[in-house]
PDB file of N, CA and C in Angstrom:
ATOM      1  N   MET A   1    -109.815  64.133  47.561  1.00  0.00           N
ATOM      2  CA  MET A   1    -109.075  64.393  46.358  1.00  0.00           C
ATOM      3  C   MET A   1    -109.169  65.888  46.064  1.00  0.00           C
ATOM      4  N   VAL A   2    -108.027  66.458  45.696  1.00  0.00           N
ATOM      5  CA  VAL A   2    -107.949  67.860  45.271  1.00  0.00           C
ATOM      6  C   VAL A   2    -107.549  67.863  43.808  1.00  0.00           C
ATOM      7  N   ILE A   3    -108.287  68.609  43.004  1.00  0.00           N
ATOM      8  CA  ILE A   3    -107.951  68.756  41.589  1.00  0.00           C
ATOM      9  C   ILE A   3    -107.613  70.211  41.340  1.00  0.00           C
ATOM     10  N   GLU A   4    -106.393  70.451  40.905  1.00  0.00           N
ATOM     11  CA  GLU A   4    -105.909  71.805  40.642  1.00  0.00           C
ATOM     12  C   GLU A   4    -105.789  72.024  39.138  1.00  0.00           C
ATOM     13  N   LEU A   5    -106.311  73.129  38.677  1.00  0.00           N
ATOM     14  CA  LEU A   5    -106.152  73.549  37.283  1.00  0.00           C
ATOM     15  C   LEU A   5    -105.202  74.735  37.299  1.00  0.00           C
ATOM     16  N   ASP A   6    -104.038  74.534  36.697  1.00  0.00           N
ATOM     17  CA  ASP A   6    -102.971  75.519  36.811  1.00  0.00           C
ATOM     18  C   ASP A   6    -102.716  76.283  35.517  1.00  0.00           C
ATOM     19  N   GLY A   7    -102.606  77.585  35.661  1.00  0.00           N
ATOM     20  CA  GLY A   7    -102.131  78.422  34.566  1.00  0.00           C
ATOM     21  C   GLY A   7    -100.618  78.387  34.518  1.00  0.00           C
ATOM     22  N   SER A   8    -100.044  79.032  33.541  1.00  0.00           N
ATOM     23  CA  SER A   8     -98.596  78.970  33.323  1.00  0.00           C
ATOM     24  C   SER A   8     -97.791  79.483  34.508  1.00  0.00           C
ATOM     25  N   GLN A   9     -98.339  80.404  35.293  1.00  0.00           N
ATOM     26  CA  GLN A   9     -97.597  80.963  36.427  1.00  0.00           C
ATOM     27  C   GLN A   9     -97.267  79.908  37.474  1.00  0.00           C
ATOM     28  N   HIS A  10     -97.972  78.792  37.468  1.00  0.00           N
ATOM     29  CA  HIS A  10     -97.727  77.743  38.459  1.00  0.00           C
ATOM     30  C   HIS A  10     -96.495  76.902  38.129  1.00  0.00           C
ATOM     31  N   TYR A  11     -95.920  77.123  36.978  1.00  0.00           N
ATOM     32  CA  TYR A  11     -94.740  76.354  36.570  1.00  0.00           C
ATOM     33  C   TYR A  11     -93.482  77.210  36.570  1.00  0.00           C
ATOM     34  N   GLU A  12     -93.585  78.384  37.136  1.00  0.00           N
ATOM     35  CA  GLU A  12     -92.470  79.325  37.111  1.00  0.00           C
ATOM     36  C   GLU A  12     -92.100  79.766  38.528  1.00  0.00           C
ATOM     37  N   GLY A  13     -90.801  79.988  38.722  1.00  0.00           N
ATOM     38  CA  GLY A  13     -90.296  80.620  39.932  1.00  0.00           C
ATOM     39  C   GLY A  13     -90.830  80.072  41.229  1.00  0.00           C
ATOM     40  N   SER A  14     -91.079  80.997  42.150  1.00  0.00           N
ATOM     41  CA  SER A  14     -91.446  80.610  43.511  1.00  0.00           C
ATOM     42  C   SER A  14     -92.824  79.954  43.596  1.00  0.00           C
ATOM     43  N   GLN A  15     -93.724  80.243  42.668  1.00  0.00           N
ATOM     44  CA  GLN A  15     -95.063  79.652  42.721  1.00  0.00           C
ATOM     45  C   GLN A  15     -94.996  78.129  42.601  1.00  0.00           C
ATOM     46  N   TYR A  16     -94.092  77.649  41.759  1.00  0.00           N
ATOM     47  CA  TYR A  16     -93.914  76.212  41.594  1.00  0.00           C
ATOM     48  C   TYR A  16     -93.585  75.562  42.947  1.00  0.00           C
ATOM     49  N   TYR A  17     -92.650  76.154  43.680  1.00  0.00           N
ATOM     50  CA  TYR A  17     -92.230  75.592  44.965  1.00  0.00           C
ATOM     51  C   TYR A  17     -93.303  75.750  46.038  1.00  0.00           C
ATOM     52  N   LYS A  18     -94.051  76.841  45.994  1.00  0.00           N
ATOM     53  CA  LYS A  18     -95.167  77.021  46.930  1.00  0.00           C
ATOM     54  C   LYS A  18     -96.227  75.942  46.699  1.00  0.00           C
ATOM     55  N   ASP A  19     -96.526  75.679  45.432  1.00  0.00           N
ATOM     56  CA  ASP A  19     -97.500  74.640  45.109  1.00  0.00           C
ATOM     57  C   ASP A  19     -97.037  73.269  45.584  1.00  0.00           C
ATOM     58  N   LYS A  20     -95.762  72.967  45.363  1.00  0.00           N
ATOM     59  CA  LYS A  20     -95.225  71.663  45.785  1.00  0.00           C
ATOM     60  C   LYS A  20     -95.310  71.498  47.302  1.00  0.00           C
ATOM     61  N   GLU A  21     -94.982  72.550  48.029  1.00  0.00           N
ATOM     62  CA  GLU A  21     -95.046  72.488  49.488  1.00  0.00           C
ATOM     63  C   GLU A  21     -96.493  72.312  49.950  1.00  0.00           C
ATOM     64  N   ARG A  22     -97.421  73.036  49.357  1.00  0.00           N
ATOM     65  CA  ARG A  22     -98.833  72.910  49.706  1.00  0.00           C
ATOM     66  C   ARG A  22     -99.339  71.508  49.393  1.00  0.00           C
ATOM     67  N   ASP A  23     -98.954  70.982  48.217  1.00  0.00           N
ATOM     68  CA  ASP A  23     -99.336  69.616  47.851  1.00  0.00           C
ATOM     69  C   ASP A  23     -98.842  68.618  48.887  1.00  0.00           C
ATOM     70  N   ARG A  24     -97.615  68.780  49.311  1.00  0.00           N
ATOM     71  CA  ARG A  24     -97.030  67.869  50.297  1.00  0.00           C
ATOM     72  C   ARG A  24     -97.815  67.903  51.607  1.00  0.00           C
ATOM     73  N   GLU A  25     -98.167  69.095  52.056  1.00  0.00           N
ATOM     74  CA  GLU A  25     -98.928  69.237  53.292  1.00  0.00           C
ATOM     75  C   GLU A  25    -100.307  68.573  53.167  1.00  0.00           C
ATOM     76  N   ILE A  26    -100.941  68.741  52.041  1.00  0.00           N
ATOM     77  CA  ILE A  26    -102.258  68.127  51.818  1.00  0.00           C
ATOM     78  C   ILE A  26    -102.135  66.606  51.763  1.00  0.00           C
ATOM     79  N   GLU A  27    -101.119  66.113  51.045  1.00  0.00           N
ATOM     80  CA  GLU A  27    -100.938  64.670  50.900  1.00  0.00           C
ATOM     81  C   GLU A  27    -100.584  64.000  52.219  1.00  0.00           C
ATOM     82  N   LEU A  28     -99.938  64.718  53.127  1.00  0.00           N
ATOM     83  CA  LEU A  28     -99.657  64.165  54.457  1.00  0.00           C
ATOM     84  C   LEU A  28    -100.938  63.867  55.227  1.00  0.00           C
ATOM     85  N   LYS A  29    -102.030  64.492  54.823  1.00  0.00           N
ATOM     86  CA  LYS A  29    -103.337  64.256  55.442  1.00  0.00           C
ATOM     87  C   LYS A  29    -104.107  63.152  54.728  1.00  0.00           C
ATOM     88  N   GLY A  30    -103.445  62.488  53.765  1.00  0.00           N
ATOM     89  CA  GLY A  30    -104.073  61.384  53.054  1.00  0.00           C
ATOM     90  C   GLY A  30    -104.933  61.809  51.871  1.00  0.00           C
ATOM     91  N   ILE A  31    -104.771  63.035  51.444  1.00  0.00           N
ATOM     92  CA  ILE A  31    -105.559  63.553  50.327  1.00  0.00           C
ATOM     93  C   ILE A  31    -104.663  63.624  49.102  1.00  0.00           C
ATOM     94  N   ILE A  32    -105.108  63.019  48.013  1.00  0.00           N
ATOM     95  CA  ILE A  32    -104.333  63.038  46.777  1.00  0.00           C
ATOM     96  C   ILE A  32    -104.551  64.372  46.069  1.00  0.00           C
ATOM     97  N   VAL A  33    -103.482  64.903  45.477  1.00  0.00           N
ATOM     98  CA  VAL A  33    -103.559  66.158  44.726  1.00  0.00           C
ATOM     99  C   VAL A  33    -103.245  65.862  43.265  1.00  0.00           C
ATOM    100  N   LEU A  34    -104.170  66.204  42.399  1.00  0.00           N
ATOM    101  CA  LEU A  34    -103.967  66.063  40.961  1.00  0.00           C
ATOM    102  C   LEU A  34    -103.857  67.448  40.357  1.00  0.00           C
ATOM    103  N   ARG A  35    -102.849  67.646  39.536  1.00  0.00           N
ATOM    104  CA  ARG A  35    -102.651  68.944  38.883  1.00  0.00           C
ATOM    105  C   ARG A  35    -102.716  68.765  37.382  1.00  0.00           C
ATOM    106  N   TYR A  36    -103.474  69.633  36.762  1.00  0.00           N
ATOM    107  CA  TYR A  36    -103.589  69.660  35.301  1.00  0.00           C
ATOM    108  C   TYR A  36    -103.404  71.099  34.844  1.00  0.00           C
ATOM    109  N   SER A  37    -102.699  71.255  33.753  1.00  0.00           N
ATOM    110  CA  SER A  37    -102.515  72.606  33.213  1.00  0.00           C
ATOM    111  C   SER A  37    -103.771  73.032  32.462  1.00  0.00           C
ATOM    112  N   ASN A  38    -103.954  74.319  32.370  1.00  0.00           N
ATOM    113  CA  ASN A  38    -105.072  74.833  31.576  1.00  0.00           C
ATOM    114  C   ASN A  38    -104.993  74.320  30.145  1.00  0.00           C
ATOM    115  N   LYS A  39    -103.777  74.185  29.644  1.00  0.00           N
ATOM    116  CA  LYS A  39    -103.581  73.678  28.277  1.00  0.00           C
ATOM    117  C   LYS A  39    -104.100  72.250  28.162  1.00  0.00           C
ATOM    118  N   GLU A  40    -103.805  71.414  29.153  1.00  0.00           N
ATOM    119  CA  GLU A  40    -104.315  70.036  29.144  1.00  0.00           C
ATOM    120  C   GLU A  40    -105.843  70.016  29.119  1.00  0.00           C
ATOM    121  N   ILE A  41    -106.453  70.880  29.909  1.00  0.00           N
ATOM    122  CA  ILE A  41    -107.913  70.947  29.964  1.00  0.00           C
ATOM    123  C   ILE A  41    -108.477  71.357  28.610  1.00  0.00           C
ATOM    124  N   GLU A  42    -107.865  72.360  28.005  1.00  0.00           N
ATOM    125  CA  GLU A  42    -108.344  72.863  26.718  1.00  0.00           C
ATOM    126  C   GLU A  42    -108.143  71.872  25.578  1.00  0.00           C
ATOM    127  N   GLU A  43    -107.013  71.173  25.583  1.00  0.00           N
ATOM    128  CA  GLU A  43    -106.653  70.327  24.447  1.00  0.00           C
ATOM    129  C   GLU A  43    -107.007  68.849  24.628  1.00  0.00           C
ATOM    130  N   ALA A  44    -107.159  68.403  25.861  1.00  0.00           N
ATOM    131  CA  ALA A  44    -107.384  66.967  26.084  1.00  0.00           C
ATOM    132  C   ALA A  44    -108.332  66.737  27.252  1.00  0.00           C
ATOM    133  N   PHE A  45    -109.439  67.442  27.260  1.00  0.00           N
ATOM    134  CA  PHE A  45    -110.379  67.376  28.382  1.00  0.00           C
ATOM    135  C   PHE A  45    -110.839  65.950  28.666  1.00  0.00           C
ATOM    136  N   GLU A  46    -111.193  65.209  27.628  1.00  0.00           N
ATOM    137  CA  GLU A  46    -111.678  63.833  27.827  1.00  0.00           C
ATOM    138  C   GLU A  46    -110.600  62.958  28.465  1.00  0.00           C
ATOM    139  N   SER A  47    -109.353  63.136  28.058  1.00  0.00           N
ATOM    140  CA  SER A  47    -108.253  62.360  28.644  1.00  0.00           C
ATOM    141  C   SER A  47    -108.048  62.704  30.112  1.00  0.00           C
ATOM    142  N   VAL A  48    -108.164  63.982  30.436  1.00  0.00           N
ATOM    143  CA  VAL A  48    -108.042  64.405  31.831  1.00  0.00           C
ATOM    144  C   VAL A  48    -109.157  63.766  32.657  1.00  0.00           C
ATOM    145  N   CYS A  49    -110.373  63.811  32.149  1.00  0.00           N
ATOM    146  CA  CYS A  49    -111.503  63.204  32.860  1.00  0.00           C
ATOM    147  C   CYS A  49    -111.292  61.706  33.047  1.00  0.00           C
ATOM    148  N   GLU A  50    -110.796  61.032  32.025  1.00  0.00           N
ATOM    149  CA  GLU A  50    -110.538  59.594  32.118  1.00  0.00           C
ATOM    150  C   GLU A  50    -109.454  59.312  33.155  1.00  0.00           C
ATOM    151  N   ASN A  51    -108.428  60.149  33.194  1.00  0.00           N
ATOM    152  CA  ASN A  51    -107.361  60.001  34.181  1.00  0.00           C
ATOM    153  C   ASN A  51    -107.906  60.147  35.596  1.00  0.00           C
ATOM    154  N   ILE A  52    -108.738  61.142  35.822  1.00  0.00           N
ATOM    155  CA  ILE A  52    -109.345  61.358  37.133  1.00  0.00           C
ATOM    156  C   ILE A  52    -110.211  60.154  37.514  1.00  0.00           C
ATOM    157  N   LYS A  53    -110.986  59.678  36.573  1.00  0.00           N
ATOM    158  CA  LYS A  53    -111.850  58.519  36.805  1.00  0.00           C
ATOM    159  C   LYS A  53    -111.026  57.282  37.196  1.00  0.00           C
ATOM    160  N   GLU A  54    -109.927  57.033  36.490  1.00  0.00           N
ATOM    161  CA  GLU A  54    -109.070  55.880  36.794  1.00  0.00           C
ATOM    162  C   GLU A  54    -108.465  55.991  38.188  1.00  0.00           C
ATOM    163  N   ILE A  55    -108.030  57.173  38.551  1.00  0.00           N
ATOM    164  CA  ILE A  55    -107.437  57.366  39.869  1.00  0.00           C
ATOM    165  C   ILE A  55    -108.486  57.177  40.960  1.00  0.00           C
ATOM    166  N   LEU A  56    -109.685  57.691  40.735  1.00  0.00           N
ATOM    167  CA  LEU A  56    -110.776  57.484  41.694  1.00  0.00           C
ATOM    168  C   LEU A  56    -111.077  56.006  41.875  1.00  0.00           C
ATOM    169  N   GLN A  57    -111.138  55.276  40.770  1.00  0.00           N
ATOM    170  CA  GLN A  57    -111.417  53.838  40.835  1.00  0.00           C
ATOM    171  C   GLN A  57    -110.353  53.116  41.646  1.00  0.00           C
ATOM    172  N   LYS A  58    -109.096  53.474  41.451  1.00  0.00           N
ATOM    173  CA  LYS A  58    -108.019  52.842  42.217  1.00  0.00           C
ATOM    174  C   LYS A  58    -108.122  53.185  43.697  1.00  0.00           C
ATOM    175  N   ARG A  59    -108.480  54.446  44.002  1.00  0.00           N
ATOM    176  CA  ARG A  59    -108.542  54.899  45.397  1.00  0.00           C
ATOM    177  C   ARG A  59    -109.682  54.236  46.164  1.00  0.00           C
ATOM    178  N   ILE A  60    -110.834  54.084  45.522  1.00  0.00           N
ATOM    179  CA  ILE A  60    -111.978  53.534  46.242  1.00  0.00           C
ATOM    180  C   ILE A  60    -112.188  52.053  45.968  1.00  0.00           C
ATOM    181  N   GLY A  61    -111.485  51.520  44.970  1.00  0.00           N
ATOM    182  CA  GLY A  61    -111.568  50.099  44.687  1.00  0.00           C
ATOM    183  C   GLY A  61    -112.865  49.658  44.056  1.00  0.00           C
ATOM    184  N   GLU A  62    -113.590  50.586  43.467  1.00  0.00           N
ATOM    185  CA  GLU A  62    -114.852  50.259  42.816  1.00  0.00           C
ATOM    186  C   GLU A  62    -114.925  50.969  41.472  1.00  0.00           C
ATOM    187  N   LYS A  63    -115.827  50.502  40.626  1.00  0.00           N
ATOM    188  CA  LYS A  63    -116.032  51.156  39.347  1.00  0.00           C
ATOM    189  C   LYS A  63    -116.686  52.509  39.576  1.00  0.00           C
ATOM    190  N   VAL A  64    -116.164  53.511  38.893  1.00  0.00           N
ATOM    191  CA  VAL A  64    -116.740  54.850  38.944  1.00  0.00           C
ATOM    192  C   VAL A  64    -117.468  55.069  37.631  1.00  0.00           C
ATOM    193  N   TYR A  65    -118.733  55.390  37.723  1.00  0.00           N
ATOM    194  CA  TYR A  65    -119.555  55.586  36.534  1.00  0.00           C
ATOM    195  C   TYR A  65    -119.633  57.062  36.195  1.00  0.00           C
ATOM    196  N   ASP A  66    -119.614  57.351  34.893  1.00  0.00           N
ATOM    197  CA  ASP A  66    -119.905  58.724  34.510  1.00  0.00           C
ATOM    198  C   ASP A  66    -121.395  58.814  34.191  1.00  0.00           C
ATOM    199  N   LYS A  67    -121.898  60.018  34.015  1.00  0.00           N
ATOM    200  CA  LYS A  67    -123.352  60.184  33.885  1.00  0.00           C
ATOM    201  C   LYS A  67    -123.917  59.498  32.643  1.00  0.00           C
ATOM    202  N   THR A  68    -123.125  59.375  31.574  1.00  0.00           N
ATOM    203  CA  THR A  68    -123.653  58.705  30.380  1.00  0.00           C
ATOM    204  C   THR A  68    -123.831  57.213  30.634  1.00  0.00           C
ATOM    205  N   GLU A  69    -122.946  56.608  31.387  1.00  0.00           N
ATOM    206  CA  GLU A  69    -123.082  55.200  31.750  1.00  0.00           C
ATOM    207  C   GLU A  69    -124.288  54.989  32.646  1.00  0.00           C
ATOM    208  N   LEU A  70    -124.501  55.887  33.590  1.00  0.00           N
ATOM    209  CA  LEU A  70    -125.639  55.770  34.483  1.00  0.00           C
ATOM    210  C   LEU A  70    -126.951  55.908  33.735  1.00  0.00           C
ATOM    211  N   LEU A  71    -127.024  56.860  32.815  1.00  0.00           N
ATOM    212  CA  LEU A  71    -128.246  57.076  32.048  1.00  0.00           C
ATOM    213  C   LEU A  71    -128.546  55.905  31.130  1.00  0.00           C
ATOM    214  N   SER A  72    -127.520  55.280  30.568  1.00  0.00           N
ATOM    215  CA  SER A  72    -127.745  54.166  29.646  1.00  0.00           C
ATOM    216  C   SER A  72    -128.184  52.894  30.365  1.00  0.00           C
ATOM    217  N   ASN A  73    -127.960  52.822  31.673  1.00  0.00           N
ATOM    218  CA  ASN A  73    -128.337  51.654  32.460  1.00  0.00           C
ATOM    219  C   ASN A  73    -129.745  51.737  33.023  1.00  0.00           C
ATOM    220  N   THR A  74    -130.455  52.828  32.752  1.00  0.00           N
ATOM    221  CA  THR A  74    -131.817  52.953  33.304  1.00  0.00           C
ATOM    222  C   THR A  74    -132.859  52.558  32.306  1.00  0.00           C
TER     223      THR A  74
END
């Protein structure tokens, strides 16, 4: 899994198309690419983390624990 944190320049002009082409090349190797804007990270960090966790769970078919869940189970 690749997680990209993108600034505004990644949504403009040629950079957008370069990113899409790179993503496609990576995904052809069976690697999922997740992109989040810096704004998403700043304003909705917990939601981004939950989204990543859900995607991981689907990919591996098992429950993914975060550190607070692991600590509470000990």
